[in-house]
Amino acid sequence: MTRIEQNRVAIRQFLEDVWSKGNVEIAERIIDPNFQFILAFAHLDGRDAFMGLVERNRSIFENLTYSVESEEDIVADEKNGAAFWDMKSKHIGTWRNVPASYKDVAINGMTLFRFNEEGKIYEAKVQNDVMSLMNQIGGIKKLYDF
């Protein structure tokens, strides 16, 4: 398997095995210990901190599922990669000071990945539709009623 193919597989595993299933063994295999996870509203240092976030989110969002609809939605070269993904779940716990709404939620987003020389993910920068998620769980008031 080429490095590009390995990176594409690692990206899919990051979303479908680490996020969706909380698989620590796969996380340790594909994510560098000094991993940086970057969102507009948070920056986590280290694989352990990231896995703590995964565990917390999986307890707050029931059946948390990340998926990639099409193979074309994952691109990679030897050092970088990106994926466009969908997330579905049910909001069952307090998230960002918003109590459980027990509503089904769905958002999409894109993650940019950087790989080290050993082929492990050392950085992920996420752009997602967090405002839609907050709206779905009642975390923001609608500015306009269409």
Protein backbone atom coordinates (compact mmCIF):
# COMPACT_ATOMS: atom_id res chain seq x y z
CA MET A 1 0.00 0.00 0.00
CA THR A 2 1.39 3.42 -0.93
CA ARG A 3 1.73 6.22 1.61
CA ILE A 4 -1.16 8.03 -0.07
CA GLU A 5 -3.39 4.96 0.28
CA GLN A 6 -2.28 4.55 3.91
CA ASN A 7 -3.16 8.17 4.63
CA ARG A 8 -6.60 7.78 3.06
CA VAL A 9 -7.23 4.69 5.20
CA ALA A 10 -6.02 6.52 8.34
CA ILE A 11 -8.41 9.41 7.65
CA ARG A 12 -11.36 7.05 7.32
CA GLN A 13 -10.30 5.22 10.51
CA PHE A 14 -9.98 8.54 12.36
CA LEU A 15 -13.61 9.34 11.58
CA GLU A 16 -15.30 5.95 11.53
CA ASP A 17 -13.30 4.00 14.13
CA VAL A 18 -11.92 6.62 16.52
CA TRP A 19 -14.81 9.12 16.56
CA SER A 20 -17.71 6.76 15.83
CA LYS A 21 -16.56 3.79 17.91
CA GLY A 22 -14.09 5.30 20.39
CA ASN A 23 -11.48 2.73 19.32
CA VAL A 24 -8.39 3.54 21.40
CA GLU A 25 -6.24 0.83 19.80
CA ILE A 26 -6.69 2.33 16.35
CA ALA A 27 -6.17 5.83 17.74
CA GLU A 28 -2.82 4.77 19.19
CA ARG A 29 -1.83 3.26 15.84
CA ILE A 30 -2.78 6.22 13.60
CA ILE A 31 -2.47 9.32 15.84
CA ASP A 32 0.85 10.79 17.02
CA PRO A 33 1.14 11.18 20.83
CA ASN A 34 1.78 14.94 20.32
CA PHE A 35 -1.32 15.32 18.15
CA GLN A 36 -2.90 18.77 17.81
CA PHE A 37 -6.69 18.96 17.41
CA ILE A 38 -7.81 22.41 16.30
CA LEU A 39 -11.37 23.75 16.17
CA ALA A 40 -12.54 27.36 15.92
CA PHE A 41 -13.50 27.20 19.61
CA ALA A 42 -10.91 24.77 21.04
CA HIS A 43 -7.32 23.58 20.69
CA LEU A 44 -6.33 20.28 22.27
CA ASP A 45 -2.72 19.26 22.82
CA GLY A 46 -1.90 15.57 22.68
CA ARG A 47 -3.58 12.32 21.71
CA ASP A 48 -4.70 11.65 25.29
CA ALA A 49 -6.50 15.01 25.53
CA PHE A 50 -8.15 14.33 22.18
CA MET A 51 -9.28 10.86 23.25
CA GLY A 52 -10.77 12.46 26.37
CA LEU A 53 -12.81 14.72 24.09
CA VAL A 54 -13.91 11.74 22.02
CA GLU A 55 -15.01 9.91 25.17
CA ARG A 56 -16.91 12.94 26.51
CA ASN A 57 -18.64 13.64 23.20
CA ARG A 58 -19.59 9.99 22.82
CA SER A 59 -21.28 10.15 26.24
CA ILE A 60 -23.13 13.38 25.37
CA PHE A 61 -24.12 12.38 21.84
CA GLU A 62 -25.71 8.92 21.70
CA ASN A 63 -24.75 6.71 18.75
CA LEU A 64 -22.30 9.36 17.56
CA THR A 65 -21.57 8.44 13.96
CA TYR A 66 -19.15 10.07 11.55
CA SER A 67 -19.32 8.94 7.95
CA VAL A 68 -17.81 9.77 4.59
CA GLU A 69 -20.40 9.45 1.84
CA SER A 70 -18.07 8.96 -1.10
CA GLU A 71 -14.45 7.90 -1.64
CA GLU A 72 -14.01 11.20 -3.50
CA ASP A 73 -14.70 12.99 -0.20
CA ILE A 74 -11.29 11.87 1.11
CA VAL A 75 -8.17 13.26 -0.57
CA ALA A 76 -4.56 12.77 0.44
CA ASP A 77 -0.96 13.06 -0.60
CA GLU A 78 2.16 11.87 1.25
CA LYS A 79 1.98 14.52 4.01
CA ASN A 80 -1.56 15.95 4.02
CA GLY A 81 -5.15 14.91 3.68
CA ALA A 82 -8.70 16.15 3.93
CA ALA A 83 -12.16 14.71 4.35
CA PHE A 84 -15.69 16.01 4.04
CA TRP A 85 -17.83 14.15 6.57
CA ASP A 86 -21.32 13.87 8.02
CA MET A 87 -22.10 13.45 11.71
CA LYS A 88 -25.36 12.12 13.14
CA SER A 89 -26.32 11.53 16.74
CA LYS A 90 -28.82 12.16 19.52
CA HIS A 91 -28.08 14.89 22.07
CA ILE A 92 -28.46 13.21 25.49
CA GLY A 93 -26.14 15.22 27.77
CA THR A 94 -25.02 18.76 28.51
CA TRP A 95 -22.76 20.17 25.79
CA ARG A 96 -21.36 23.70 25.82
CA ASN A 97 -23.70 24.54 28.72
CA VAL A 98 -26.73 23.37 26.75
CA PRO A 99 -28.68 20.68 28.63
CA ALA A 100 -29.72 17.48 26.89
CA SER A 101 -32.40 18.16 24.29
CA TYR A 102 -32.94 14.49 23.35
CA LYS A 103 -33.11 15.62 19.73
CA ASP A 104 -31.57 13.84 16.77
CA VAL A 105 -28.87 16.05 15.27
CA ALA A 106 -26.88 16.09 12.05
CA ILE A 107 -24.09 18.31 10.80
CA ASN A 108 -21.29 18.12 8.29
CA GLY A 109 -17.80 19.46 8.16
CA MET A 110 -14.32 19.15 6.79
CA THR A 111 -11.09 18.17 8.49
CA LEU A 112 -7.58 18.90 7.20
CA PHE A 113 -4.97 16.37 8.33
CA ARG A 114 -1.18 16.50 8.52
CA PHE A 115 0.93 13.34 8.71
CA ASN A 116 4.41 12.89 10.18
CA GLU A 117 7.27 10.88 8.64
CA GLU A 118 6.00 7.70 10.35
CA GLY A 119 2.59 8.15 8.72
CA LYS A 120 0.76 9.13 11.92
CA ILE A 121 -1.69 12.02 12.06
CA TYR A 122 -0.07 14.85 14.02
CA GLU A 123 -2.61 17.61 13.32
CA ALA A 124 -6.29 17.88 12.48
CA LYS A 125 -7.95 21.22 11.76
CA VAL A 126 -11.73 21.03 11.78
CA GLN A 127 -14.26 23.34 10.19
CA ASN A 128 -17.79 22.24 11.00
CA ASP A 129 -21.32 23.55 11.17
CA VAL A 130 -21.31 24.12 14.94
CA MET A 131 -23.90 26.91 14.68
CA SER A 132 -26.35 24.48 13.09
CA LEU A 133 -25.65 21.98 15.86
CA MET A 134 -26.24 24.64 18.53
CA ASN A 135 -29.47 25.63 16.80
CA GLN A 136 -30.65 22.01 16.61
CA ILE A 137 -30.15 21.49 20.36
CA GLY A 138 -31.64 24.85 21.35
CA GLY A 139 -28.35 26.54 22.18
CA ILE A 140 -28.98 29.71 20.20
CA LYS A 141 -32.04 31.75 19.42
CA LYS A 142 -32.99 32.09 15.80
CA LEU A 143 -32.10 35.50 14.48
CA TYR A 144 -34.53 35.25 11.62
CA ASP A 145 -37.68 33.17 11.39
CA PHE A 146 -38.15 32.02 7.79
